[in-house]
């Protein structure tokens, strides 16, 4: 099995295939580490880093797929999981929403209705 894998090739694979490939890569890494201790060839030692990076790629693609599935699942739900919400800053997250900020109290609405701003006094024709 070749050590280097391409991320775009992994995208099309199913979860079972990815898990199988991950196990193969891990077993390959194990055998390479054993050869390293036994005093293997230099070409084998350089392959260790390639296999480690390939494992990382497979795990990354698996996580991306899992997050994508979660995004699809929570698409039209009222609440999102905390790790899917936008991070921003604590102050921004606690700030009033645009809608909440624009709301007026009953008293203020009555005041606006009964005492409108008299622009004709400020700007006479």
PDB file of N, CA and C in Angstrom:
ATOM      1  N   UNK A   1       0.851  -1.189   0.000  1.00  0.00           N
ATOM      2  CA  UNK A   1       0.000   0.000   0.000  1.00  0.00           C
ATOM      3  C   UNK A   1       0.885   1.236   0.000  1.00  0.00           C
ATOM      4  N   UNK A   2       0.654   2.182  -0.921  1.00  0.00           N
ATOM      5  CA  UNK A   2       1.481   3.392  -0.980  1.00  0.00           C
ATOM      6  C   UNK A   2       1.247   4.261   0.254  1.00  0.00           C
ATOM      7  N   UNK A   3       2.318   4.896   0.734  1.00  0.00           N
ATOM      8  CA  UNK A   3       2.227   5.684   1.963  1.00  0.00           C
ATOM      9  C   UNK A   3       1.470   6.989   1.788  1.00  0.00           C
ATOM     10  N   UNK A   4       1.758   7.721   0.691  1.00  0.00           N
ATOM     11  CA  UNK A   4       1.165   9.056   0.530  1.00  0.00           C
ATOM     12  C   UNK A   4      -0.248   8.967  -0.046  1.00  0.00           C
ATOM     13  N   UNK A   5      -1.161   9.690   0.580  1.00  0.00           N
ATOM     14  CA  UNK A   5      -2.534   9.736   0.076  1.00  0.00           C
ATOM     15  C   UNK A   5      -2.904  11.184  -0.196  1.00  0.00           C
ATOM     16  N   UNK A   6      -3.804  11.381  -1.137  1.00  0.00           N
ATOM     17  CA  UNK A   6      -4.237  12.736  -1.499  1.00  0.00           C
ATOM     18  C   UNK A   6      -5.597  13.011  -0.851  1.00  0.00           C
ATOM     19  N   UNK A   7      -5.763  14.214  -0.328  1.00  0.00           N
ATOM     20  CA  UNK A   7      -6.995  14.570   0.387  1.00  0.00           C
ATOM     21  C   UNK A   7      -8.207  14.517  -0.551  1.00  0.00           C
ATOM     22  N   UNK A   8      -8.042  14.972  -1.799  1.00  0.00           N
ATOM     23  CA  UNK A   8      -9.192  14.991  -2.718  1.00  0.00           C
ATOM     24  C   UNK A   8      -9.646  13.579  -3.072  1.00  0.00           C
ATOM     25  N   UNK A   9      -8.724  12.608  -3.018  1.00  0.00           N
ATOM     26  CA  UNK A   9      -9.115  11.214  -3.262  1.00  0.00           C
ATOM     27  C   UNK A   9      -9.901  10.663  -2.078  1.00  0.00           C
ATOM     28  N   UNK A  10      -9.552  11.135  -0.884  1.00  0.00           N
ATOM     29  CA  UNK A  10     -10.219  10.648   0.330  1.00  0.00           C
ATOM     30  C   UNK A  10     -11.650  11.177   0.445  1.00  0.00           C
ATOM     31  N   UNK A  11     -11.899  12.360  -0.114  1.00  0.00           N
ATOM     32  CA  UNK A  11     -13.218  12.994   0.018  1.00  0.00           C
ATOM     33  C   UNK A  11     -14.337  12.097  -0.502  1.00  0.00           C
ATOM     34  N   UNK A  12     -14.047  11.359  -1.583  1.00  0.00           N
ATOM     35  CA  UNK A  12     -15.090  10.557  -2.223  1.00  0.00           C
ATOM     36  C   UNK A  12     -15.325   9.217  -1.524  1.00  0.00           C
ATOM     37  N   UNK A  13     -14.431   8.834  -0.608  1.00  0.00           N
ATOM     38  CA  UNK A  13     -14.555   7.527   0.048  1.00  0.00           C
ATOM     39  C   UNK A  13     -15.589   7.553   1.162  1.00  0.00           C
ATOM     40  N   UNK A  14     -16.127   6.367   1.471  1.00  0.00           N
ATOM     41  CA  UNK A  14     -17.112   6.259   2.550  1.00  0.00           C
ATOM     42  C   UNK A  14     -16.396   6.165   3.898  1.00  0.00           C
ATOM     43  N   UNK A  15     -17.174   6.245   4.962  1.00  0.00           N
ATOM     44  CA  UNK A  15     -16.593   6.219   6.307  1.00  0.00           C
ATOM     45  C   UNK A  15     -15.888   4.890   6.571  1.00  0.00           C
ATOM     46  N   UNK A  16     -16.499   3.775   6.114  1.00  0.00           N
ATOM     47  CA  UNK A  16     -15.883   2.455   6.319  1.00  0.00           C
ATOM     48  C   UNK A  16     -14.549   2.343   5.589  1.00  0.00           C
ATOM     49  N   UNK A  17     -14.501   2.856   4.353  1.00  0.00           N
ATOM     50  CA  UNK A  17     -13.253   2.825   3.584  1.00  0.00           C
ATOM     51  C   UNK A  17     -12.177   3.648   4.272  1.00  0.00           C
ATOM     52  N   UNK A  18     -12.560   4.816   4.777  1.00  0.00           N
ATOM     53  CA  UNK A  18     -11.603   5.677   5.471  1.00  0.00           C
ATOM     54  C   UNK A  18     -11.073   4.999   6.729  1.00  0.00           C
ATOM     55  N   UNK A  19     -11.970   4.345   7.475  1.00  0.00           N
ATOM     56  CA  UNK A  19     -11.555   3.653   8.692  1.00  0.00           C
ATOM     57  C   UNK A  19     -10.594   2.517   8.357  1.00  0.00           C
ATOM     58  N   UNK A  20     -10.903   1.784   7.280  1.00  0.00           N
ATOM     59  CA  UNK A  20     -10.042   0.684   6.840  1.00  0.00           C
ATOM     60  C   UNK A  20      -8.660   1.212   6.456  1.00  0.00           C
ATOM     61  N   UNK A  21      -8.654   2.323   5.696  1.00  0.00           N
ATOM     62  CA  UNK A  21      -7.379   2.896   5.258  1.00  0.00           C
ATOM     63  C   UNK A  21      -6.583   3.404   6.456  1.00  0.00           C
ATOM     64  N   UNK A  22      -7.270   3.974   7.433  1.00  0.00           N
ATOM     65  CA  UNK A  22      -6.604   4.468   8.635  1.00  0.00           C
ATOM     66  C   UNK A  22      -5.926   3.312   9.368  1.00  0.00           C
ATOM     67  N   UNK A  23      -6.628   2.194   9.503  1.00  0.00           N
ATOM     68  CA  UNK A  23      -6.049   1.029  10.180  1.00  0.00           C
ATOM     69  C   UNK A  23      -4.832   0.492   9.421  1.00  0.00           C
ATOM     70  N   UNK A  24      -4.921   0.478   8.080  1.00  0.00           N
ATOM     71  CA  UNK A  24      -3.780   0.024   7.273  1.00  0.00           C
ATOM     72  C   UNK A  24      -2.576   0.932   7.473  1.00  0.00           C
ATOM     73  N   UNK A  25      -2.826   2.237   7.453  1.00  0.00           N
ATOM     74  CA  UNK A  25      -1.722   3.192   7.634  1.00  0.00           C
ATOM     75  C   UNK A  25      -1.100   3.062   9.018  1.00  0.00           C
ATOM     76  N   UNK A  26      -1.942   2.857  10.026  1.00  0.00           N
ATOM     77  CA  UNK A  26      -1.418   2.706  11.390  1.00  0.00           C
ATOM     78  C   UNK A  26      -0.573   1.441  11.527  1.00  0.00           C
ATOM     79  N   UNK A  27      -1.036   0.361  10.900  1.00  0.00           N
ATOM     80  CA  UNK A  27      -0.245  -0.883  10.960  1.00  0.00           C
ATOM     81  C   UNK A  27       1.066  -0.710  10.190  1.00  0.00           C
ATOM     82  N   UNK A  28       1.029   0.025   9.077  1.00  0.00           N
ATOM     83  CA  UNK A  28       2.251   0.296   8.319  1.00  0.00           C
ATOM     84  C   UNK A  28       3.228   1.114   9.158  1.00  0.00           C
ATOM     85  N   UNK A  29       2.697   2.112   9.864  1.00  0.00           N
ATOM     86  CA  UNK A  29       3.534   2.941  10.727  1.00  0.00           C
ATOM     87  C   UNK A  29       4.163   2.093  11.829  1.00  0.00           C
ATOM     88  N   UNK A  30       3.384   1.169  12.367  1.00  0.00           N
ATOM     89  CA  UNK A  30       3.888   0.286  13.413  1.00  0.00           C
ATOM     90  C   UNK A  30       5.065  -0.539  12.897  1.00  0.00           C
ATOM     91  N   UNK A  31       4.899  -1.119  11.697  1.00  0.00           N
ATOM     92  CA  UNK A  31       5.982  -1.941  11.134  1.00  0.00           C
ATOM     93  C   UNK A  31       7.213  -1.089  10.825  1.00  0.00           C
ATOM     94  N   UNK A  32       7.000   0.143  10.372  1.00  0.00           N
ATOM     95  CA  UNK A  32       8.133   1.038  10.092  1.00  0.00           C
ATOM     96  C   UNK A  32       8.886   1.378  11.366  1.00  0.00           C
ATOM     97  N   UNK A  33       8.166   1.570  12.448  1.00  0.00           N
ATOM     98  CA  UNK A  33       8.822   1.885  13.731  1.00  0.00           C
ATOM     99  C   UNK A  33       9.624   0.694  14.242  1.00  0.00           C
ATOM    100  N   UNK A  34       9.072  -0.493  14.019  1.00  0.00           N
ATOM    101  CA  UNK A  34       9.809  -1.703  14.404  1.00  0.00           C
ATOM    102  C   UNK A  34      11.098  -1.797  13.598  1.00  0.00           C
ATOM    103  N   UNK A  35      11.021  -1.525  12.286  1.00  0.00           N
ATOM    104  CA  UNK A  35      12.214  -1.563  11.419  1.00  0.00           C
ATOM    105  C   UNK A  35      13.225  -0.506  11.847  1.00  0.00           C
ATOM    106  N   UNK A  36      12.717   0.627  12.312  1.00  0.00           N
ATOM    107  CA  UNK A  36      13.612   1.695  12.765  1.00  0.00           C
ATOM    108  C   UNK A  36      14.452   1.222  13.950  1.00  0.00           C
ATOM    109  N   UNK A  37      13.797   0.542  14.892  1.00  0.00           N
ATOM    110  CA  UNK A  37      14.508   0.035  16.069  1.00  0.00           C
ATOM    111  C   UNK A  37      15.480  -1.069  15.657  1.00  0.00           C
ATOM    112  N   UNK A  38      15.057  -1.906  14.700  1.00  0.00           N
ATOM    113  CA  UNK A  38      15.899  -3.010  14.242  1.00  0.00           C
ATOM    114  C   UNK A  38      17.066  -2.524  13.376  1.00  0.00           C
ATOM    115  N   UNK A  39      17.031  -1.236  13.002  1.00  0.00           N
ATOM    116  CA  UNK A  39      18.110  -0.683  12.184  1.00  0.00           C
ATOM    117  C   UNK A  39      17.835  -0.852  10.709  1.00  0.00           C
ATOM    118  N   UNK A  40      16.688  -0.370  10.279  1.00  0.00           N
ATOM    119  CA  UNK A  40      16.287  -0.497   8.879  1.00  0.00           C
ATOM    120  C   UNK A  40      17.003   0.483   7.976  1.00  0.00           C
ATOM    121  N   UNK A  41      16.689   0.426   6.692  1.00  0.00           N
ATOM    122  CA  UNK A  41      17.302   1.305   5.695  1.00  0.00           C
ATOM    123  C   UNK A  41      16.815   2.744   5.896  1.00  0.00           C
ATOM    124  N   UNK A  42      17.619   3.682   5.392  1.00  0.00           N
ATOM    125  CA  UNK A  42      17.291   5.102   5.549  1.00  0.00           C
ATOM    126  C   UNK A  42      16.000   5.462   4.823  1.00  0.00           C
ATOM    127  N   UNK A  43      15.738   4.776   3.697  1.00  0.00           N
ATOM    128  CA  UNK A  43      14.521   5.068   2.931  1.00  0.00           C
ATOM    129  C   UNK A  43      13.278   4.730   3.752  1.00  0.00           C
ATOM    130  N   UNK A  44      13.371   3.688   4.577  1.00  0.00           N
ATOM    131  CA  UNK A  44      12.244   3.309   5.437  1.00  0.00           C
ATOM    132  C   UNK A  44      12.013   4.368   6.520  1.00  0.00           C
ATOM    133  N   UNK A  45      13.097   4.913   7.043  1.00  0.00           N
ATOM    134  CA  UNK A  45      12.992   5.914   8.115  1.00  0.00           C
ATOM    135  C   UNK A  45      12.339   7.191   7.612  1.00  0.00           C
ATOM    136  N   UNK A  46      12.638   7.568   6.372  1.00  0.00           N
ATOM    137  CA  UNK A  46      12.027   8.790   5.828  1.00  0.00           C
ATOM    138  C   UNK A  46      10.546   8.574   5.527  1.00  0.00           C
ATOM    139  N   UNK A  47      10.173   7.307   5.331  1.00  0.00           N
ATOM    140  CA  UNK A  47       8.783   7.001   5.012  1.00  0.00           C
ATOM    141  C   UNK A  47       7.871   7.197   6.232  1.00  0.00           C
ATOM    142  N   UNK A  48       8.448   7.141   7.429  1.00  0.00           N
ATOM    143  CA  UNK A  48       7.651   7.287   8.661  1.00  0.00           C
ATOM    144  C   UNK A  48       6.875   8.602   8.648  1.00  0.00           C
ATOM    145  N   UNK A  49       7.565   9.699   8.310  1.00  0.00           N
ATOM    146  CA  UNK A  49       6.903  11.008   8.317  1.00  0.00           C
ATOM    147  C   UNK A  49       5.804  11.071   7.265  1.00  0.00           C
ATOM    148  N   UNK A  50       6.023  10.428   6.118  1.00  0.00           N
ATOM    149  CA  UNK A  50       5.011  10.413   5.046  1.00  0.00           C
ATOM    150  C   UNK A  50       3.755   9.695   5.528  1.00  0.00           C
ATOM    151  N   UNK A  51       3.951   8.553   6.205  1.00  0.00           N
ATOM    152  CA  UNK A  51       2.816   7.774   6.697  1.00  0.00           C
ATOM    153  C   UNK A  51       2.080   8.546   7.789  1.00  0.00           C
ATOM    154  N   UNK A  52       2.831   9.215   8.667  1.00  0.00           N
ATOM    155  CA  UNK A  52       2.198  10.013   9.736  1.00  0.00           C
ATOM    156  C   UNK A  52       1.334  11.121   9.144  1.00  0.00           C
ATOM    157  N   UNK A  53       1.847  11.794   8.123  1.00  0.00           N
ATOM    158  CA  UNK A  53       1.081  12.862   7.470  1.00  0.00           C
ATOM    159  C   UNK A  53      -0.162  12.292   6.788  1.00  0.00           C
ATOM    160  N   UNK A  54      -0.037  11.097   6.216  1.00  0.00           N
ATOM    161  CA  UNK A  54      -1.183  10.462   5.560  1.00  0.00           C
ATOM    162  C   UNK A  54      -2.269  10.124   6.572  1.00  0.00           C
ATOM    163  N   UNK A  55      -1.847   9.642   7.748  1.00  0.00           N
ATOM    164  CA  UNK A  55      -2.805   9.352   8.827  1.00  0.00           C
ATOM    165  C   UNK A  55      -3.538  10.634   9.207  1.00  0.00           C
ATOM    166  N   UNK A  56      -2.772  11.723   9.314  1.00  0.00           N
ATOM    167  CA  UNK A  56      -3.377  13.019   9.663  1.00  0.00           C
ATOM    168  C   UNK A  56      -4.392  13.442   8.607  1.00  0.00           C
ATOM    169  N   UNK A  57      -4.064  13.210   7.325  1.00  0.00           N
ATOM    170  CA  UNK A  57      -4.985  13.574   6.247  1.00  0.00           C
ATOM    171  C   UNK A  57      -6.281  12.783   6.343  1.00  0.00           C
ATOM    172  N   UNK A  58      -6.161  11.483   6.592  1.00  0.00           N
ATOM    173  CA  UNK A  58      -7.357  10.636   6.685  1.00  0.00           C
ATOM    174  C   UNK A  58      -8.231  11.100   7.851  1.00  0.00           C
ATOM    175  N   UNK A  59      -7.609  11.366   8.995  1.00  0.00           N
ATOM    176  CA  UNK A  59      -8.368  11.823  10.165  1.00  0.00           C
ATOM    177  C   UNK A  59      -9.037  13.171   9.900  1.00  0.00           C
ATOM    178  N   UNK A  60      -8.322  14.054   9.206  1.00  0.00           N
ATOM    179  CA  UNK A  60      -8.871  15.373   8.880  1.00  0.00           C
ATOM    180  C   UNK A  60     -10.116  15.232   8.010  1.00  0.00           C
ATOM    181  N   UNK A  61     -10.028  14.376   6.990  1.00  0.00           N
ATOM    182  CA  UNK A  61     -11.175  14.180   6.093  1.00  0.00           C
ATOM    183  C   UNK A  61     -12.345  13.573   6.855  1.00  0.00           C
ATOM    184  N   UNK A  62     -12.066  12.620   7.759  1.00  0.00           N
ATOM    185  CA  UNK A  62     -13.130  12.007   8.559  1.00  0.00           C
ATOM    186  C   UNK A  62     -13.830  13.064   9.421  1.00  0.00           C
ATOM    187  N   UNK A  63     -13.027  13.937  10.055  1.00  0.00           N
ATOM    188  CA  UNK A  63     -13.603  14.993  10.896  1.00  0.00           C
ATOM    189  C   UNK A  63     -14.404  15.983  10.064  1.00  0.00           C
ATOM    190  N   UNK A  64     -13.897  16.339   8.888  1.00  0.00           N
ATOM    191  CA  UNK A  64     -14.618  17.259   8.006  1.00  0.00           C
ATOM    192  C   UNK A  64     -15.983  16.685   7.628  1.00  0.00           C
ATOM    193  N   UNK A  65     -15.997  15.387   7.303  1.00  0.00           N
ATOM    194  CA  UNK A  65     -17.259  14.752   6.922  1.00  0.00           C
ATOM    195  C   UNK A  65     -18.232  14.736   8.094  1.00  0.00           C
ATOM    196  N   UNK A  66     -17.714  14.436   9.289  1.00  0.00           N
ATOM    197  CA  UNK A  66     -18.575  14.392  10.476  1.00  0.00           C
ATOM    198  C   UNK A  66     -19.180  15.771  10.735  1.00  0.00           C
ATOM    199  N   UNK A  67     -18.352  16.817  10.624  1.00  0.00           N
ATOM    200  CA  UNK A  67     -18.843  18.183  10.849  1.00  0.00           C
ATOM    201  C   UNK A  67     -19.871  18.578   9.792  1.00  0.00           C
ATOM    202  N   UNK A  68     -19.630  18.151   8.544  1.00  0.00           N
ATOM    203  CA  UNK A  68     -20.567  18.449   7.460  1.00  0.00           C
ATOM    204  C   UNK A  68     -21.917  17.794   7.721  1.00  0.00           C
ATOM    205  N   UNK A  69     -21.881  16.537   8.187  1.00  0.00           N
ATOM    206  CA  UNK A  69     -23.123  15.826   8.509  1.00  0.00           C
ATOM    207  C   UNK A  69     -23.874  16.531   9.632  1.00  0.00           C
ATOM    208  N   UNK A  70     -23.128  17.006  10.648  1.00  0.00           N
ATOM    209  CA  UNK A  70     -23.760  17.734  11.753  1.00  0.00           C
ATOM    210  C   UNK A  70     -24.397  19.025  11.252  1.00  0.00           C
ATOM    211  N   UNK A  71     -23.668  19.718  10.346  1.00  0.00           N
ATOM    212  CA  UNK A  71     -24.201  20.958   9.785  1.00  0.00           C
ATOM    213  C   UNK A  71     -25.518  20.700   9.065  1.00  0.00           C
ATOM    214  N   UNK A  72     -25.555  19.626   8.288  1.00  0.00           N
ATOM    215  CA  UNK A  72     -26.783  19.270   7.568  1.00  0.00           C
ATOM    216  C   UNK A  72     -27.910  18.936   8.548  1.00  0.00           C
ATOM    217  N   UNK A  73     -27.570  18.206   9.615  1.00  0.00           N
ATOM    218  CA  UNK A  73     -28.575  17.775  10.583  1.00  0.00           C
ATOM    219  C   UNK A  73     -29.191  18.967  11.312  1.00  0.00           C
ATOM    220  N   UNK A  74     -28.352  19.942  11.683  1.00  0.00           N
ATOM    221  CA  UNK A  74     -28.832  21.089  12.463  1.00  0.00           C
ATOM    222  C   UNK A  74     -29.227  22.280  11.601  1.00  0.00           C
ATOM    223  N   UNK A  75     -29.308  22.087  10.280  1.00  0.00           N
ATOM    224  CA  UNK A  75     -29.541  23.192   9.352  1.00  0.00           C
ATOM    225  C   UNK A  75     -30.797  23.997   9.690  1.00  0.00           C
ATOM    226  N   UNK A  76     -31.938  23.336   9.869  1.00  0.00           N
ATOM    227  CA  UNK A  76     -33.189  24.054  10.108  1.00  0.00           C
ATOM    228  C   UNK A  76     -33.667  23.960  11.551  1.00  0.00           C
ATOM    229  N   UNK A  77     -32.765  23.597  12.457  1.00  0.00           N
ATOM    230  CA  UNK A  77     -33.127  23.503  13.865  1.00  0.00           C
ATOM    231  C   UNK A  77     -32.992  24.880  14.517  1.00  0.00           C
ATOM    232  N   UNK A  78     -33.639  25.048  15.670  1.00  0.00           N
ATOM    233  CA  UNK A  78     -33.599  26.336  16.350  1.00  0.00           C
ATOM    234  C   UNK A  78     -32.227  26.617  16.951  1.00  0.00           C
ATOM    235  N   UNK A  79     -31.634  25.600  17.579  1.00  0.00           N
ATOM    236  CA  UNK A  79     -30.342  25.795  18.246  1.00  0.00           C
ATOM    237  C   UNK A  79     -29.245  24.979  17.579  1.00  0.00           C
ATOM    238  N   UNK A  80     -28.021  25.519  17.584  1.00  0.00           N
ATOM    239  CA  UNK A  80     -26.850  24.840  17.054  1.00  0.00           C
ATOM    240  C   UNK A  80     -25.995  24.342  18.213  1.00  0.00           C
ATOM    241  N   UNK A  81     -25.197  23.302  18.012  1.00  0.00           N
ATOM    242  CA  UNK A  81     -24.239  22.934  19.053  1.00  0.00           C
ATOM    243  C   UNK A  81     -23.242  24.076  19.253  1.00  0.00           C
ATOM    244  N   UNK A  82     -22.699  24.179  20.450  1.00  0.00           N
ATOM    245  CA  UNK A  82     -21.827  25.305  20.780  1.00  0.00           C
ATOM    246  C   UNK A  82     -20.625  25.399  19.847  1.00  0.00           C
ATOM    247  N   UNK A  83     -20.036  24.265  19.474  1.00  0.00           N
ATOM    248  CA  UNK A  83     -18.845  24.324  18.631  1.00  0.00           C
ATOM    249  C   UNK A  83     -19.160  24.685  17.178  1.00  0.00           C
ATOM    250  N   UNK A  84     -20.457  24.692  16.811  1.00  0.00           N
ATOM    251  CA  UNK A  84     -20.831  25.086  15.447  1.00  0.00           C
ATOM    252  C   UNK A  84     -21.239  26.552  15.358  1.00  0.00           C
ATOM    253  N   UNK A  85     -21.437  27.186  16.496  1.00  0.00           N
ATOM    254  CA  UNK A  85     -21.830  28.598  16.492  1.00  0.00           C
ATOM    255  C   UNK A  85     -20.626  29.478  16.194  1.00  0.00           C
ATOM    256  N   UNK A  86     -20.876  30.690  15.667  1.00  0.00           N
ATOM    257  CA  UNK A  86     -19.737  31.589  15.405  1.00  0.00           C
ATOM    258  C   UNK A  86     -19.069  32.014  16.709  1.00  0.00           C
ATOM    259  N   UNK A  87     -17.721  32.025  16.723  1.00  0.00           N
ATOM    260  CA  UNK A  87     -16.971  32.288  17.947  1.00  0.00           C
ATOM    261  C   UNK A  87     -17.067  33.759  18.350  1.00  0.00           C
ATOM    262  N   UNK A  88     -16.655  34.665  17.453  1.00  0.00           N
ATOM    263  CA  UNK A  88     -16.632  36.111  17.710  1.00  0.00           C
ATOM    264  C   UNK A  88     -15.955  36.401  19.045  1.00  0.00           C
ATOM    265  N   UNK A  89     -16.506  37.337  19.837  1.00  0.00           N
ATOM    266  CA  UNK A  89     -15.959  37.585  21.174  1.00  0.00           C
ATOM    267  C   UNK A  89     -17.092  37.456  22.166  1.00  0.00           C
ATOM    268  N   UNK A  90     -16.729  37.333  23.433  1.00  0.00           N
ATOM    269  CA  UNK A  90     -17.742  37.120  24.467  1.00  0.00           C
ATOM    270  C   UNK A  90     -18.705  38.305  24.513  1.00  0.00           C
ATOM    271  N   UNK A  91     -18.152  39.515  24.397  1.00  0.00           N
ATOM    272  CA  UNK A  91     -18.983  40.721  24.452  1.00  0.00           C
ATOM    273  C   UNK A  91     -19.978  40.761  23.294  1.00  0.00           C
ATOM    274  N   UNK A  92     -19.501  40.412  22.090  1.00  0.00           N
ATOM    275  CA  UNK A  92     -20.388  40.429  20.920  1.00  0.00           C
ATOM    276  C   UNK A  92     -21.489  39.387  21.073  1.00  0.00           C
ATOM    277  N   UNK A  93     -21.127  38.211  21.609  1.00  0.00           N
ATOM    278  CA  UNK A  93     -22.137  37.156  21.774  1.00  0.00           C
ATOM    279  C   UNK A  93     -23.218  37.562  22.770  1.00  0.00           C
ATOM    280  N   UNK A  94     -22.866  38.396  23.746  1.00  0.00           N
ATOM    281  CA  UNK A  94     -23.836  38.788  24.759  1.00  0.00           C
ATOM    282  C   UNK A  94     -24.630  40.038  24.387  1.00  0.00           C
ATOM    283  N   UNK A  95     -24.180  40.724  23.345  1.00  0.00           N
ATOM    284  CA  UNK A  95     -24.829  41.952  22.920  1.00  0.00           C
ATOM    285  C   UNK A  95     -26.257  41.679  22.447  1.00  0.00           C
ATOM    286  N   UNK A  96     -27.114  42.702  22.531  1.00  0.00           N
ATOM    287  CA  UNK A  96     -28.478  42.577  22.007  1.00  0.00           C
ATOM    288  C   UNK A  96     -28.425  42.340  20.500  1.00  0.00           C
ATOM    289  N   UNK A  97     -29.358  41.554  20.003  1.00  0.00           N
ATOM    290  CA  UNK A  97     -29.440  41.366  18.559  1.00  0.00           C
ATOM    291  C   UNK A  97     -29.997  42.653  17.933  1.00  0.00           C
ATOM    292  N   UNK A  98     -29.879  42.768  16.619  1.00  0.00           N
ATOM    293  CA  UNK A  98     -30.386  43.964  15.931  1.00  0.00           C
ATOM    294  C   UNK A  98     -31.882  44.137  16.201  1.00  0.00           C
ATOM    295  N   UNK A  99     -32.609  43.035  16.185  1.00  0.00           N
ATOM    296  CA  UNK A  99     -34.046  43.080  16.421  1.00  0.00           C
ATOM    297  C   UNK A  99     -34.356  43.549  17.843  1.00  0.00           C
ATOM    298  N   UNK A 100     -33.653  42.988  18.826  1.00  0.00           N
ATOM    299  CA  UNK A 100     -33.883  43.360  20.229  1.00  0.00           C
ATOM    300  C   UNK A 100     -33.563  44.843  20.460  1.00  0.00           C
ATOM    301  N   UNK A 101     -32.489  45.313  19.822  1.00  0.00           N
ATOM    302  CA  UNK A 101     -32.087  46.711  20.006  1.00  0.00           C
ATOM    303  C   UNK A 101     -33.099  47.670  19.389  1.00  0.00           C
ATOM    304  N   UNK A 102     -33.761  47.261  18.314  1.00  0.00           N
ATOM    305  CA  UNK A 102     -34.693  48.152  17.623  1.00  0.00           C
ATOM    306  C   UNK A 102     -36.084  48.187  18.267  1.00  0.00           C
ATOM    307  N   UNK A 103     -36.373  47.264  19.171  1.00  0.00           N
ATOM    308  CA  UNK A 103     -37.697  47.224  19.801  1.00  0.00           C
ATOM    309  C   UNK A 103     -37.928  48.450  20.686  1.00  0.00           C
ATOM    310  N   UNK A 104     -39.191  48.898  20.740  1.00  0.00           N
ATOM    311  CA  UNK A 104     -39.561  50.028  21.600  1.00  0.00           C
ATOM    312  C   UNK A 104     -40.562  49.553  22.636  1.00  0.00           C
ATOM    313  N   UNK A 105     -40.557  50.218  23.784  1.00  0.00           N
ATOM    314  CA  UNK A 105     -41.530  49.873  24.815  1.00  0.00           C
ATOM    315  C   UNK A 105     -42.898  50.417  24.406  1.00  0.00           C
ATOM    316  N   UNK A 106     -43.940  49.935  25.063  1.00  0.00           N
ATOM    317  CA  UNK A 106     -45.303  50.399  24.789  1.00  0.00           C
ATOM    318  C   UNK A 106     -45.390  51.898  25.056  1.00  0.00           C
ATOM    319  N   UNK A 107     -44.779  52.324  26.157  1.00  0.00           N
ATOM    320  CA  UNK A 107     -44.812  53.738  26.536  1.00  0.00           C
ATOM    321  C   UNK A 107     -44.162  54.613  25.458  1.00  0.00           C
ATOM    322  N   UNK A 108     -43.015  54.160  24.944  1.00  0.00           N
ATOM    323  CA  UNK A 108     -42.315  54.923  23.910  1.00  0.00           C
ATOM    324  C   UNK A 108     -43.123  54.974  22.614  1.00  0.00           C
ATOM    325  N   UNK A 109     -43.798  53.887  22.271  1.00  0.00           N
ATOM    326  CA  UNK A 109     -44.629  53.871  21.062  1.00  0.00           C
ATOM    327  C   UNK A 109     -45.779  54.856  21.183  1.00  0.00           C
ATOM    328  N   UNK A 110     -46.436  54.873  22.350  1.00  0.00           N
ATOM    329  CA  UNK A 110     -47.537  55.819  22.575  1.00  0.00           C
ATOM    330  C   UNK A 110     -47.038  57.254  22.478  1.00  0.00           C
ATOM    331  N   UNK A 111     -45.864  57.490  23.063  1.00  0.00           N
ATOM    332  CA  UNK A 111     -45.274  58.830  23.038  1.00  0.00           C
ATOM    333  C   UNK A 111     -45.014  59.276  21.602  1.00  0.00           C
ATOM    334  N   UNK A 112     -44.467  58.369  20.789  1.00  0.00           N
ATOM    335  CA  UNK A 112     -44.172  58.689  19.388  1.00  0.00           C
ATOM    336  C   UNK A 112     -45.443  58.988  18.605  1.00  0.00           C
ATOM    337  N   UNK A 113     -46.512  58.231  18.891  1.00  0.00           N
ATOM    338  CA  UNK A 113     -47.775  58.438  18.185  1.00  0.00           C
ATOM    339  C   UNK A 113     -48.409  59.777  18.563  1.00  0.00           C
ATOM    340  N   UNK A 114     -48.463  60.074  19.862  1.00  0.00           N
ATOM    341  CA  UNK A 114     -49.168  61.269  20.336  1.00  0.00           C
ATOM    342  C   UNK A 114     -48.358  62.556  20.226  1.00  0.00           C
ATOM    343  N   UNK A 115     -47.037  62.439  20.234  1.00  0.00           N
ATOM    344  CA  UNK A 115     -46.193  63.631  20.139  1.00  0.00           C
ATOM    345  C   UNK A 115     -45.150  63.450  19.039  1.00  0.00           C
ATOM    346  N   UNK A 116     -45.596  63.503  17.773  1.00  0.00           N
ATOM    347  CA  UNK A 116     -44.632  63.313  16.678  1.00  0.00           C
ATOM    348  C   UNK A 116     -43.670  64.489  16.586  1.00  0.00           C
ATOM    349  N   UNK A 117     -42.506  64.246  15.968  1.00  0.00           N
ATOM    350  CA  UNK A 117     -41.515  65.308  15.802  1.00  0.00           C
ATOM    351  C   UNK A 117     -42.070  66.318  14.809  1.00  0.00           C
ATOM    352  N   UNK A 118     -42.027  67.588  15.204  1.00  0.00           N
ATOM    353  CA  UNK A 118     -42.587  68.667  14.362  1.00  0.00           C
ATOM    354  C   UNK A 118     -41.491  69.248  13.485  1.00  0.00           C
ATOM    355  N   UNK A 119     -41.316  68.685  12.317  1.00  0.00           N
ATOM    356  CA  UNK A 119     -40.278  69.158  11.384  1.00  0.00           C
ATOM    357  C   UNK A 119     -40.631  70.513  10.785  1.00  0.00           C
ATOM    358  N   UNK A 120     -41.934  70.842  10.726  1.00  0.00           N
ATOM    359  CA  UNK A 120     -42.341  72.111  10.133  1.00  0.00           C
ATOM    360  C   UNK A 120     -41.866  73.299  10.966  1.00  0.00           C
ATOM    361  N   UNK A 121     -41.616  73.091  12.268  1.00  0.00           N
ATOM    362  CA  UNK A 121     -41.102  74.176  13.112  1.00  0.00           C
ATOM    363  C   UNK A 121     -39.608  74.373  12.871  1.00  0.00           C
ATOM    364  N   UNK A 122     -38.896  73.254  12.635  1.00  0.00           N
ATOM    365  CA  UNK A 122     -37.459  73.355  12.430  1.00  0.00           C
ATOM    366  C   UNK A 122     -37.119  73.884  11.034  1.00  0.00           C
ATOM    367  N   UNK A 123     -37.860  73.418  10.037  1.00  0.00           N
ATOM    368  CA  UNK A 123     -37.596  73.795   8.663  1.00  0.00           C
ATOM    369  C   UNK A 123     -38.837  74.398   8.049  1.00  0.00           C
ATOM    370  N   UNK A 124     -39.138  75.647   8.312  1.00  0.00           N
ATOM    371  CA  UNK A 124     -40.349  76.249   7.730  1.00  0.00           C
ATOM    372  C   UNK A 124     -40.186  76.411   6.219  1.00  0.00           C
ATOM    373  N   UNK A 125     -41.319  76.339   5.523  1.00  0.00           N
ATOM    374  CA  UNK A 125     -41.259  76.415   4.056  1.00  0.00           C
ATOM    375  C   UNK A 125     -41.071  77.835   3.613  1.00  0.00           C
TER     376      UNK A 125
END
